[in-house]
Amino acid sequence: GSLKDIFALKSDLNKVLRFLASPDAFKINGSAQNWALRLSTSQGIRWHQLELHYDIKQTKYCLSLSDIHALREHENSLFKLINYDSLTSLPNRHRLYQELDLILNASRNNGSEFGVFYLDLDGFKVVNDSFGHRVGDELIVQVAKRLASALPKGIRLFRLGGDEFALLHENVSGIIELEIMAQHLMQVACAAYPVAEMEMLITASIGIAHYPSHGQDVDTILKRADVAMYKAKAIGHNSYKVYDSNMSQSLNAYMTLGGGLRRAIENQEFELYYQPKVRLSDQFTVGAEALIRWQHPELGMISPDRFIPIAEETGLILPLGEWVIRTACQQLQKWREQGHPEISLSVNLSGRQFMQTDLVNMVQQVLKETGVNPKNLELELTESMLMADADQTIEKLHSFRALGLSLSIDDFGTGYSSLAYLKKFPIQTLKIDRSFVRDLGSNSDDNAIVKATIAMASSLNLKVIAEGVENNSQLNVLKGYNCEEVQGFFFARPMSSKDFSLYMKNEASNTSNSLRVM
C-alpha cells in the first residue's frame, strides 16, 4: 500500500526518526542501516524492513521499505517447530535445555536453588496399543492441560515426547518443597480423564533432582531426575522418588533386566511355581495359584515384583502372559494324566494383558490346544483393572464366563470397587488381600474389614479366599468368619511343578490312611 496507509505498531519507528535526525545519520559511508518494523497496513498487520543506505555512484542517500512478512512468518514457524511441542503447544526438550542453562547461570550467581521433575505416565503404552495413537494423543493433551492449569507461579511445564514431561521449579527453599510439589502433581495427574467416550484412570511416576545437591551442570541434573523417575516406576506406579547416589546402580540393574527379558522368553528361563489353596472345612487342597519365577543365568532367581513392571512398560507382558496361561493349562493336563484329583488353577492377569483386544480368543485357543476343562482354569484380576473401563470390562468378563472359566478379584479391598459395581461383574470369588490378613486377631480394624467382606460376599453368593495366612491365630479367626478357602505359608510355600505333584501325592496318601483308620 501507499505510505499514507501505513502507521507503526509498537515498533522502532521513533528510533528510526531519531537516528535520521542525528548528526551520525549521514556518516555511514555506504554501509546500510536496517530496522524491522511491525506495521498496520490496508492488508493487515505485517512485518516490514526499513533500510537506509548511501548510493556512492549517485552520491545520495536512499530509504526503502520492504514487506518481509512472509519471511518473518517462516522464521516464527521455524522457531515454534524447534522450541515447542506440536501436539500440546508446550515448550519441548530443546527449550528445556535453553531454560535450564539460563536458570543454572542465574543460580550460580545469586546462590538460589531450583528443582527438576521428570514425570512419566504409568501404563500409557497400554492405552496406545489398545485404543490407538489418536486416543493416546487426546489423553496426552488432556494431561498437559490439567497439569498446566494446576501449576503455581515459578514452575514451567515441558513435554519431552511420548508420555514424558518435565517441570522446572525455580527459587525453592529445599528438597522438601520439591517433594510437596511432587505429591500435588500426582494428585492432579491421577484423576479420571474423559477420553473417547471413556473414563480413563491414569497415574504418574515422578523423579526429582535438586540443584545444587544433585548436580552442577544441565546434563547431570536431567539425567539424575530421569534416574529417580525410573526408580519410582520400578517400585510401583503412582509414586515419586528424590535422586540419591545409590539409584544409578539400581537403574543399571533395571536396564539389565529389561534387556534380558526378551532373551529369557526365547530361552525358556521362566518357570511356574504353584501355591496350594486349601478348603478350610476339611483342610483339603482344592486349587493352586500359578506364580511366575525367572531363573536368570547370572542373577539367579528373580521375583516377579522386579521384572513384571518392566514387562508391562516394554509390552513384553503380552508374550509372557500368553506363556503363563499356556504353561498353566499344560500343567493341569499333566496332573490329570498323573491321576491327581481335579483342582482349579488360577492365573494372574496384568492390566496390560487384560486390555489386549484378542485376549479372549487367545485363551480360547489355548484351552482348545491343551484340552483343559475350562471350569478348572480361574483368572485373577485386580480391582483397579476392572474399574478402568467398567462397561468394556463387563463385556469381556461375560465372554470369559461363556468359555466356562471362573473369575476372581485379587487383592480385594485395596482398590476402587463399590458394591454396586461388584453386582455387575460376573465374578465368582473374592480374594482378601494379605495386608488385611496379616494382623487378624490383634487388629480390630482388620478383623472388622475381613468379617464385613466375607458377609458381603456371602450375600452376593461369592466364594472368599484369604491369602497370606501364616499362623494358627489367623486361621482360627477366618474359620470363625466362615471363610471358605485360604492360601499361605501356614500350609505351603509356592513350589515347582515336581514338588507340587509330590505334595498332592502325599496329601492323597494321608487322606487314604485317615479313611482306613476310620
Protein backbone atom coordinates (compact mmCIF):
# COMPACT_ATOMS: atom_id res chain seq x y z
CA GLY A 1 0.00 0.00 0.00
CA SER A 2 0.96 3.65 -0.18
CA LEU A 3 2.78 5.28 2.70
CA LYS A 4 -0.39 7.10 3.78
CA ASP A 5 -1.96 3.68 4.61
CA ILE A 6 0.88 2.72 6.99
CA PHE A 7 1.43 3.51 10.67
CA ALA A 8 3.69 1.83 13.21
CA LEU A 9 2.53 -0.52 15.96
CA LYS A 10 4.87 -0.77 18.96
CA SER A 11 7.80 -0.60 16.58
CA ASP A 12 11.19 1.09 16.44
CA LEU A 13 9.88 3.85 14.15
CA ASN A 14 10.67 6.57 16.71
CA LYS A 15 14.21 5.23 16.95
CA VAL A 16 14.43 5.39 13.17
CA LEU A 17 13.28 9.00 13.12
CA ARG A 18 15.68 9.94 15.90
CA PHE A 19 18.52 8.29 14.00
CA LEU A 20 17.68 10.18 10.80
CA ALA A 21 17.66 13.44 12.77
CA SER A 22 21.02 12.74 14.42
CA PRO A 23 24.35 14.09 13.13
CA ASP A 24 25.60 10.50 12.66
CA ALA A 25 22.87 9.62 10.21
CA PHE A 26 24.79 10.69 7.15
CA LYS A 27 28.22 9.44 8.17
CA ILE A 28 27.54 5.81 7.29
CA ASN A 29 29.96 5.75 4.33
CA GLY A 30 27.99 3.41 2.13
CA SER A 31 27.02 0.87 4.79
CA ALA A 32 23.30 0.13 5.18
CA GLN A 33 21.21 0.52 8.33
CA ASN A 34 18.24 -1.86 8.82
CA TRP A 35 15.20 -1.86 11.09
CA ALA A 36 12.38 -4.43 11.33
CA LEU A 37 9.01 -2.77 11.88
CA ARG A 38 5.59 -4.25 12.55
CA LEU A 39 3.20 -2.01 10.65
CA SER A 40 -0.54 -1.84 10.22
CA THR A 41 -1.43 -1.67 6.51
CA SER A 42 -4.55 -1.98 4.40
CA GLN A 43 -3.65 -5.71 4.21
CA GLY A 44 -3.49 -6.07 7.96
CA ILE A 45 -0.61 -6.04 10.41
CA ARG A 46 2.56 -7.02 8.62
CA TRP A 47 6.33 -7.02 9.17
CA HIS A 48 8.44 -4.63 7.07
CA GLN A 49 12.11 -3.87 6.77
CA LEU A 50 13.21 -0.24 6.61
CA GLU A 51 16.65 0.19 5.04
CA LEU A 52 18.84 3.29 4.77
CA HIS A 53 21.95 3.23 2.59
CA TYR A 54 24.25 5.63 0.73
CA ASP A 55 24.45 5.23 -3.05
CA ILE A 56 28.09 6.09 -3.88
CA LYS A 57 27.52 6.31 -7.65
CA GLN A 58 24.62 8.73 -7.34
CA THR A 59 26.08 10.38 -4.23
CA LYS A 60 22.75 10.33 -2.44
CA TYR A 61 21.00 8.51 0.40
CA CYS A 62 18.16 6.06 -0.24
CA LEU A 63 15.40 4.99 2.15
CA SER A 64 13.43 1.83 1.22
CA LEU A 65 10.59 -0.12 2.86
CA SER A 66 10.15 -3.83 2.08
CA ASP A 67 7.40 -6.25 3.09
CA ILE A 68 9.15 -9.12 4.89
CA HIS A 69 6.03 -10.58 6.48
CA ALA A 70 6.30 -13.99 4.75
CA LEU A 71 9.92 -14.30 5.85
CA ARG A 72 9.07 -13.38 9.45
CA GLU A 73 6.16 -15.88 9.49
CA HIS A 74 8.51 -18.57 8.26
CA GLU A 75 11.02 -17.66 10.98
CA ASN A 76 8.26 -17.79 13.62
CA SER A 77 7.07 -21.18 12.36
CA LEU A 78 10.63 -22.47 12.45
CA PHE A 79 11.10 -21.12 15.99
CA LYS A 80 7.92 -22.89 17.18
CA LEU A 81 8.93 -26.09 15.43
CA ILE A 82 12.33 -26.07 17.14
CA ASN A 83 11.16 -24.97 20.60
CA TYR A 84 7.56 -26.14 21.07
CA ASP A 85 5.70 -29.46 21.01
CA SER A 86 3.22 -29.57 18.11
CA LEU A 87 0.64 -31.70 19.97
CA THR A 88 0.36 -29.83 23.28
CA SER A 89 1.95 -26.47 22.35
CA LEU A 90 4.16 -26.85 25.44
CA PRO A 91 7.86 -25.96 25.25
CA ASN A 92 9.89 -29.03 24.28
CA ARG A 93 13.20 -30.68 25.22
CA HIS A 94 15.26 -28.17 23.23
CA ARG A 95 13.59 -25.31 25.07
CA LEU A 96 14.12 -27.10 28.39
CA TYR A 97 17.88 -27.13 27.81
CA GLN A 98 17.87 -23.40 26.96
CA GLU A 99 15.81 -22.52 30.04
CA LEU A 100 17.98 -24.71 32.28
CA ASP A 101 21.15 -23.01 31.04
CA LEU A 102 19.72 -19.61 31.96
CA ILE A 103 18.44 -20.76 35.39
CA LEU A 104 21.70 -22.54 36.17
CA ASN A 105 23.80 -19.45 35.40
CA ALA A 106 21.47 -17.26 37.47
CA SER A 107 21.57 -19.72 40.39
CA ARG A 108 25.37 -19.82 40.34
CA ASN A 109 25.46 -16.03 40.51
CA ASN A 110 22.81 -15.45 43.18
CA GLY A 111 23.05 -18.69 45.18
CA SER A 112 19.41 -19.71 44.57
CA GLU A 113 18.15 -23.30 44.36
CA PHE A 114 15.88 -24.98 41.82
CA GLY A 115 14.44 -28.40 41.07
CA VAL A 116 13.73 -30.54 38.00
CA PHE A 117 10.87 -33.04 37.85
CA TYR A 118 10.64 -35.86 35.32
CA LEU A 119 7.01 -37.03 35.08
CA ASP A 120 6.08 -40.18 33.16
CA LEU A 121 2.55 -41.56 32.77
CA ASP A 122 2.14 -45.13 34.04
CA GLY A 123 0.82 -47.66 31.57
CA PHE A 124 0.49 -45.19 28.69
CA LYS A 125 1.73 -47.86 26.27
CA VAL A 126 -1.37 -49.88 27.19
CA VAL A 127 -3.60 -47.01 26.05
CA ASN A 128 -1.74 -46.58 22.76
CA ASP A 129 -1.65 -50.29 21.97
CA SER A 130 -5.25 -50.94 22.98
CA PHE A 131 -7.08 -47.86 21.71
CA GLY A 132 -4.75 -46.39 19.09
CA HIS A 133 -2.49 -43.34 18.90
CA ARG A 134 -5.36 -40.91 18.32
CA VAL A 135 -6.83 -41.75 21.72
CA GLY A 136 -3.33 -41.69 23.21
CA ASP A 137 -2.73 -38.22 21.78
CA GLU A 138 -6.06 -36.98 23.15
CA LEU A 139 -5.09 -38.26 26.59
CA ILE A 140 -1.68 -36.54 26.41
CA VAL A 141 -3.35 -33.22 25.51
CA GLN A 142 -5.75 -33.51 28.46
CA VAL A 143 -2.94 -34.38 30.88
CA ALA A 144 -0.90 -31.40 29.63
CA LYS A 145 -3.83 -29.01 30.07
CA ARG A 146 -4.61 -30.31 33.55
CA LEU A 147 -1.00 -30.08 34.72
CA ALA A 148 -0.50 -26.61 33.23
CA SER A 149 -3.67 -25.27 34.85
CA ALA A 150 -2.61 -26.52 38.30
CA LEU A 151 0.92 -25.09 38.39
CA PRO A 152 1.74 -22.17 40.70
CA LYS A 153 3.89 -19.26 39.58
CA GLY A 154 7.57 -20.10 39.14
CA ILE A 155 7.03 -23.59 37.69
CA ARG A 156 7.23 -24.29 33.97
CA LEU A 157 5.97 -27.41 32.18
CA PHE A 158 7.67 -29.05 29.17
CA ARG A 159 6.75 -32.06 27.06
CA LEU A 160 9.79 -34.19 26.24
CA GLY A 161 7.98 -36.61 23.94
CA GLY A 162 5.69 -39.63 24.23
CA ASP A 163 4.20 -39.68 27.73
CA GLU A 164 7.11 -37.89 29.38
CA PHE A 165 7.00 -34.36 30.80
CA ALA A 166 9.50 -32.21 32.68
CA LEU A 167 8.96 -29.32 35.09
CA LEU A 168 11.32 -26.61 36.29
CA HIS A 169 10.73 -25.22 39.77
CA GLU A 170 12.73 -22.04 40.43
CA ASN A 171 13.74 -20.41 43.72
CA VAL A 172 12.93 -23.31 46.02
CA SER A 173 13.85 -23.42 49.69
CA GLY A 174 14.97 -27.05 49.63
CA ILE A 175 14.16 -30.64 48.65
CA ILE A 176 11.12 -30.85 50.97
CA GLU A 177 9.40 -28.14 48.92
CA LEU A 178 10.02 -30.23 45.78
CA GLU A 179 8.52 -33.32 47.43
CA ILE A 180 5.38 -31.39 48.41
CA MET A 181 5.02 -30.26 44.79
CA ALA A 182 5.50 -33.86 43.54
CA GLN A 183 2.65 -35.02 45.78
CA HIS A 184 0.48 -32.24 44.37
CA LEU A 185 1.38 -33.22 40.79
CA MET A 186 0.46 -36.87 41.40
CA GLN A 187 -2.93 -35.87 42.81
CA VAL A 188 -3.57 -33.61 39.82
CA ALA A 189 -2.50 -36.21 37.26
CA CYS A 190 -4.27 -39.29 38.63
CA ALA A 191 -7.94 -38.22 38.37
CA ALA A 192 -10.14 -39.72 35.61
CA TYR A 193 -9.93 -38.32 32.06
CA PRO A 194 -12.95 -38.36 29.73
CA VAL A 195 -11.37 -39.64 26.52
CA ALA A 196 -13.14 -41.20 23.50
CA GLU A 197 -16.36 -41.69 25.47
CA MET A 198 -14.46 -43.49 28.24
CA GLU A 199 -13.36 -42.54 31.75
CA MET A 200 -9.64 -43.32 31.78
CA LEU A 201 -7.74 -43.62 35.03
CA ILE A 202 -4.04 -42.92 34.75
CA THR A 203 -1.26 -42.35 37.26
CA ALA A 204 2.21 -40.84 37.08
CA SER A 205 5.71 -41.68 38.27
CA ILE A 206 7.91 -38.69 39.15
CA GLY A 207 11.66 -38.30 39.57
CA ILE A 208 13.18 -35.27 41.33
CA ALA A 209 16.63 -33.72 41.07
CA HIS A 210 17.71 -30.64 43.05
CA TYR A 211 20.33 -28.01 42.34
CA PRO A 212 22.91 -27.82 43.84
CA SER A 213 22.55 -31.16 45.70
CA HIS A 214 22.31 -33.49 42.69
CA GLY A 215 24.48 -31.91 40.02
CA GLN A 216 26.33 -28.83 38.87
CA ASP A 217 25.55 -28.94 35.14
CA VAL A 218 22.43 -29.33 32.99
CA ASP A 219 23.12 -32.86 31.69
CA THR A 220 23.84 -34.29 35.15
CA ILE A 221 20.72 -32.74 36.72
CA LEU A 222 18.45 -34.01 33.92
CA LYS A 223 19.99 -37.46 33.96
CA ARG A 224 19.51 -37.78 37.71
CA ALA A 225 15.87 -36.66 37.55
CA ASP A 226 15.39 -39.36 34.89
CA VAL A 227 17.11 -42.00 37.05
CA ALA A 228 14.87 -41.08 40.01
CA MET A 229 11.79 -41.39 37.80
CA TYR A 230 12.82 -44.91 36.72
CA LYS A 231 13.32 -45.81 40.37
CA ALA A 232 9.78 -44.58 41.15
CA LYS A 233 8.45 -46.75 38.30
CA ALA A 234 10.40 -49.79 39.43
CA ILE A 235 9.00 -49.77 42.97
CA GLY A 236 5.40 -49.31 41.83
CA HIS A 237 3.30 -46.87 39.90
CA ASN A 238 1.84 -43.60 41.21
CA SER A 239 4.86 -42.64 43.27
CA TYR A 240 7.78 -40.20 43.30
CA LYS A 241 11.44 -40.50 44.22
CA VAL A 242 14.15 -37.97 45.00
CA TYR A 243 17.50 -38.85 43.46
CA ASP A 244 20.17 -40.43 45.64
CA SER A 245 23.57 -41.79 44.68
CA ASN A 246 22.51 -45.46 45.05
CA MET A 247 19.96 -45.12 42.27
CA SER A 248 22.39 -45.21 39.35
CA GLN A 249 23.36 -48.76 40.25
CA SER A 250 19.68 -49.69 40.58
CA LEU A 251 18.96 -48.20 37.15
CA ASN A 252 21.73 -50.27 35.59
CA ALA A 253 20.14 -53.38 37.11
CA TYR A 254 16.72 -52.25 35.85
CA MET A 255 18.04 -51.81 32.31
CA THR A 256 19.90 -55.13 32.51
CA LEU A 257 16.66 -56.91 33.39
CA GLY A 258 14.79 -55.09 30.63
CA GLY A 259 17.36 -56.12 28.03
CA GLY A 260 17.31 -59.73 29.24
CA LEU A 261 13.53 -60.21 29.27
CA ARG A 262 13.11 -60.92 25.56
CA ARG A 263 16.03 -63.32 25.60
CA ALA A 264 14.59 -65.02 28.69
CA ILE A 265 11.29 -65.70 26.89
CA GLU A 266 13.16 -67.17 23.91
CA ASN A 267 15.49 -69.24 26.13
CA GLN A 268 12.68 -70.50 28.39
CA GLU A 269 14.26 -69.12 31.55
CA PHE A 270 10.84 -68.74 33.20
CA GLU A 271 9.17 -71.30 35.42
CA LEU A 272 5.79 -71.51 37.10
CA TYR A 273 5.57 -72.22 40.82
CA TYR A 274 2.33 -73.35 42.45
CA GLN A 275 0.93 -72.41 45.87
CA PRO A 276 -1.92 -74.60 47.20
CA LYS A 277 -5.37 -73.24 48.04
CA VAL A 278 -6.88 -75.11 50.96
CA ARG A 279 -10.56 -75.62 51.83
CA LEU A 280 -10.98 -74.64 55.49
CA SER A 281 -13.76 -77.09 56.34
CA ASP A 282 -11.53 -80.16 55.89
CA GLN A 283 -8.12 -78.56 55.11
CA PHE A 284 -8.01 -80.34 51.74
CA THR A 285 -6.22 -78.82 48.74
CA VAL A 286 -8.79 -77.80 46.14
CA GLY A 287 -6.75 -75.48 43.95
CA ALA A 288 -3.50 -73.63 43.37
CA GLU A 289 -2.24 -70.28 42.16
CA ALA A 290 0.35 -70.22 39.36
CA LEU A 291 3.19 -67.81 40.17
CA ILE A 292 5.89 -66.94 37.64
CA ARG A 293 9.61 -67.04 38.50
CA TRP A 294 12.63 -66.03 36.41
CA GLN A 295 15.72 -68.21 36.72
CA HIS A 296 18.28 -65.72 35.39
CA PRO A 297 21.52 -67.39 34.21
CA GLU A 298 23.69 -64.83 36.05
CA LEU A 299 21.48 -63.21 38.69
CA GLY A 300 19.73 -66.36 39.90
CA MET A 301 16.04 -66.45 40.88
CA ILE A 302 14.31 -63.11 40.25
CA SER A 303 10.92 -62.39 41.82
CA PRO A 304 8.06 -61.07 39.65
CA ASP A 305 7.99 -57.80 41.64
CA ARG A 306 11.24 -56.87 39.91
CA PHE A 307 10.52 -57.84 36.29
CA ILE A 308 6.73 -57.60 35.80
CA PRO A 309 6.75 -53.75 35.86
CA ILE A 310 9.47 -53.80 33.19
CA ALA A 311 7.49 -56.31 31.11
CA GLU A 312 4.44 -54.05 31.38
CA GLU A 313 6.37 -50.97 30.23
CA THR A 314 8.07 -52.72 27.29
CA GLY A 315 4.97 -54.61 26.11
CA LEU A 316 6.69 -57.98 26.69
CA ILE A 317 3.94 -58.78 29.19
CA LEU A 318 1.82 -59.98 26.24
CA PRO A 319 4.01 -62.88 25.08
CA LEU A 320 4.97 -63.57 28.70
CA GLY A 321 1.34 -63.62 29.81
CA GLU A 322 0.39 -65.98 26.99
CA TRP A 323 3.25 -68.29 28.02
CA VAL A 324 1.93 -68.34 31.60
CA ILE A 325 -1.63 -69.25 30.54
CA ARG A 326 -0.42 -71.93 28.11
CA THR A 327 2.02 -73.45 30.62
CA ALA A 328 -0.61 -73.47 33.37
CA CYS A 329 -3.08 -75.28 31.12
CA GLN A 330 -0.45 -77.81 30.04
CA GLN A 331 0.35 -78.45 33.72
CA LEU A 332 -3.34 -79.02 34.52
CA GLN A 333 -3.43 -81.70 31.83
CA LYS A 334 -0.25 -83.36 33.15
CA TRP A 335 -1.69 -83.57 36.68
CA ARG A 336 -4.87 -85.09 35.33
CA GLU A 337 -2.85 -87.68 33.36
CA GLN A 338 -0.85 -88.46 36.52
CA GLY A 339 -4.12 -89.33 38.26
CA HIS A 340 -4.28 -86.39 40.68
CA PRO A 341 -7.71 -85.19 41.82
CA GLU A 342 -9.13 -82.35 39.75
CA ILE A 343 -8.20 -78.93 41.10
CA SER A 344 -8.68 -75.38 39.88
CA LEU A 345 -5.59 -73.43 38.83
CA SER A 346 -5.65 -69.63 38.95
CA VAL A 347 -3.55 -67.33 36.77
CA ASN A 348 -3.00 -63.60 37.39
CA LEU A 349 -3.75 -61.23 34.53
CA SER A 350 -1.85 -57.95 34.34
CA GLY A 351 -3.53 -54.68 33.44
CA ARG A 352 -1.74 -54.58 30.08
CA GLN A 353 -2.83 -58.14 29.33
CA PHE A 354 -6.44 -57.51 30.22
CA MET A 355 -6.58 -54.61 27.74
CA GLN A 356 -5.34 -56.92 24.96
CA THR A 357 -8.04 -56.92 22.29
CA ASP A 358 -7.68 -60.61 21.36
CA LEU A 359 -7.23 -61.92 24.93
CA VAL A 360 -10.49 -63.93 24.97
CA ASN A 361 -9.64 -65.54 21.62
CA MET A 362 -6.11 -66.36 22.80
CA VAL A 363 -7.39 -68.08 25.96
CA GLN A 364 -9.99 -69.98 23.95
CA GLN A 365 -7.29 -71.20 21.55
CA VAL A 366 -5.05 -72.35 24.43
CA LEU A 367 -7.95 -74.27 26.02
CA LYS A 368 -8.63 -75.96 22.70
CA GLU A 369 -4.97 -76.86 22.12
CA THR A 370 -4.38 -78.28 25.61
CA GLY A 371 -7.80 -79.94 26.07
CA VAL A 372 -8.19 -78.46 29.57
CA ASN A 373 -11.65 -78.38 31.12
CA PRO A 374 -12.39 -74.61 31.31
CA LYS A 375 -14.01 -74.98 34.75
CA ASN A 376 -10.54 -75.80 36.16
CA LEU A 377 -8.97 -72.52 35.00
CA GLU A 378 -9.50 -69.36 37.01
CA LEU A 379 -8.40 -65.86 36.02
CA GLU A 380 -7.45 -63.42 38.79
CA LEU A 381 -7.95 -59.71 38.13
CA THR A 382 -7.34 -56.67 40.32
CA GLU A 383 -9.98 -54.12 41.30
CA SER A 384 -8.19 -51.26 39.51
CA MET A 385 -8.16 -53.25 36.26
CA LEU A 386 -11.90 -53.83 36.46
CA MET A 387 -12.70 -50.20 37.18
CA ALA A 388 -10.55 -48.67 34.40
CA ASP A 389 -13.34 -49.03 31.83
CA ALA A 390 -16.23 -50.77 33.57
CA ASP A 391 -18.52 -51.25 30.55
CA GLN A 392 -15.87 -52.88 28.34
CA THR A 393 -14.70 -54.90 31.34
CA ILE A 394 -18.16 -56.36 31.94
CA GLU A 395 -18.41 -57.39 28.28
CA LYS A 396 -15.02 -59.12 28.38
CA LEU A 397 -15.79 -60.89 31.67
CA HIS A 398 -19.03 -62.28 30.23
CA SER A 399 -17.03 -63.58 27.26
CA PHE A 400 -14.73 -65.45 29.67
CA ARG A 401 -17.70 -66.84 31.55
CA ALA A 402 -19.16 -68.05 28.23
CA LEU A 403 -15.98 -70.12 27.79
CA GLY A 404 -16.64 -71.75 31.19
CA LEU A 405 -13.80 -70.05 33.14
CA SER A 406 -14.00 -68.87 36.75
CA LEU A 407 -13.18 -65.28 37.63
CA SER A 408 -11.70 -63.86 40.81
CA ILE A 409 -10.93 -60.37 42.14
CA ASP A 410 -7.40 -60.42 43.53
CA ASP A 411 -6.19 -58.22 46.43
CA PHE A 412 -9.77 -57.26 47.30
CA GLY A 413 -10.08 -54.17 49.48
CA THR A 414 -7.04 -52.33 48.09
CA GLY A 415 -8.68 -50.78 45.01
CA TYR A 416 -11.77 -48.87 43.99
CA SER A 417 -14.57 -51.43 43.87
CA SER A 418 -18.02 -50.47 45.03
CA LEU A 419 -20.77 -52.89 45.98
CA ALA A 420 -22.86 -51.60 43.07
CA TYR A 421 -20.13 -52.50 40.56
CA LEU A 422 -19.42 -55.84 42.18
CA LYS A 423 -23.00 -56.86 41.49
CA LYS A 424 -22.49 -56.03 37.80
CA PHE A 425 -19.34 -58.11 37.36
CA PRO A 426 -19.82 -61.86 36.71
CA ILE A 427 -17.27 -62.74 39.43
CA GLN A 428 -17.26 -65.98 41.46
CA THR A 429 -14.52 -65.32 44.02
CA LEU A 430 -13.11 -62.51 46.17
CA LYS A 431 -9.54 -62.84 47.38
CA ILE A 432 -8.88 -60.86 50.57
CA ASP A 433 -5.55 -59.09 50.38
CA ARG A 434 -2.78 -60.28 52.70
CA SER A 435 -2.46 -56.78 54.19
CA PHE A 436 -5.82 -57.34 55.96
CA VAL A 437 -4.95 -60.90 57.00
CA ARG A 438 -1.54 -60.08 58.50
CA ASP A 439 -2.85 -58.67 61.80
CA LEU A 440 -6.02 -60.72 62.18
CA GLY A 441 -6.67 -61.48 65.82
CA SER A 442 -4.68 -58.45 67.02
CA ASN A 443 -6.08 -55.56 64.97
CA SER A 444 -9.76 -54.80 65.46
CA ASP A 445 -9.96 -52.73 62.25
CA ASP A 446 -8.66 -55.60 60.11
CA ASN A 447 -10.97 -58.02 61.90
CA ALA A 448 -13.95 -55.81 61.11
CA ILE A 449 -12.93 -55.37 57.45
CA VAL A 450 -12.43 -59.10 56.88
CA LYS A 451 -15.66 -60.02 58.67
CA ALA A 452 -17.65 -57.45 56.67
CA THR A 453 -16.05 -58.56 53.37
CA ILE A 454 -16.94 -62.21 53.97
CA ALA A 455 -20.51 -61.28 54.97
CA MET A 456 -20.88 -59.06 51.89
CA ALA A 457 -19.50 -61.80 49.60
CA SER A 458 -21.88 -64.34 51.13
CA SER A 459 -24.86 -62.05 50.40
CA LEU A 460 -23.73 -61.93 46.76
CA ASN A 461 -23.12 -65.70 46.59
CA LEU A 462 -19.38 -65.19 46.14
CA LYS A 463 -16.69 -67.51 47.45
CA VAL A 464 -13.99 -65.91 49.64
CA ILE A 465 -10.35 -66.92 49.82
CA ALA A 466 -7.89 -65.27 52.21
CA GLU A 467 -4.24 -65.05 51.15
CA GLY A 468 -1.18 -64.62 53.33
CA VAL A 469 -2.26 -66.99 56.12
CA GLU A 470 0.86 -67.71 58.18
CA ASN A 471 -0.27 -68.78 61.65
CA ASN A 472 -2.96 -70.58 63.59
CA SER A 473 -4.38 -67.38 65.10
CA GLN A 474 -5.24 -66.01 61.65
CA LEU A 475 -6.69 -69.37 60.65
CA ASN A 476 -9.00 -69.55 63.68
CA VAL A 477 -10.34 -66.03 63.07
CA LEU A 478 -11.07 -66.89 59.43
CA LYS A 479 -12.82 -70.10 60.45
CA GLY A 480 -14.99 -68.10 62.84
CA TYR A 481 -15.98 -65.77 59.99
CA ASN A 482 -16.84 -68.75 57.72
CA CYS A 483 -14.11 -68.05 55.17
CA GLU A 484 -14.18 -70.92 52.65
CA GLU A 485 -10.58 -71.15 51.42
CA VAL A 486 -7.14 -69.97 52.47
CA GLN A 487 -3.69 -69.72 50.95
CA GLY A 488 -0.36 -69.01 52.63
CA PHE A 489 2.88 -70.23 54.17
CA PHE A 490 0.97 -71.86 57.06
CA PHE A 491 0.09 -74.66 54.66
CA ALA A 492 2.71 -74.44 51.92
CA ARG A 493 5.06 -72.09 50.13
CA PRO A 494 4.97 -71.81 46.31
CA MET A 495 6.70 -74.86 44.82
CA SER A 496 7.86 -76.24 41.50
CA SER A 497 5.55 -78.46 39.44
CA LYS A 498 7.54 -81.54 40.51
CA ASP A 499 7.27 -80.65 44.21
CA PHE A 500 3.59 -79.80 43.87
CA SER A 501 2.91 -83.19 42.30
CA LEU A 502 4.67 -84.84 45.26
CA TYR A 503 2.67 -82.62 47.65
CA MET A 504 -0.57 -83.81 46.04
CA LYS A 505 0.51 -87.47 46.26
CA ASN A 506 1.34 -87.12 49.94
CA GLU A 507 -1.99 -85.46 50.67
CA ALA A 508 -3.88 -88.19 48.79
CA SER A 509 -1.93 -90.84 50.71
CA ASN A 510 -2.63 -89.18 54.08
CA THR A 511 -6.32 -88.88 53.22
CA SER A 512 -6.45 -92.56 52.24
CA ASN A 513 -4.74 -93.60 55.51
CA SER A 514 -7.18 -91.46 57.53
CA LEU A 515 -10.12 -93.14 55.84
CA ARG A 516 -8.71 -96.64 56.56
CA VAL A 517 -8.22 -95.75 60.23
CA MET A 518 -11.82 -94.56 60.45
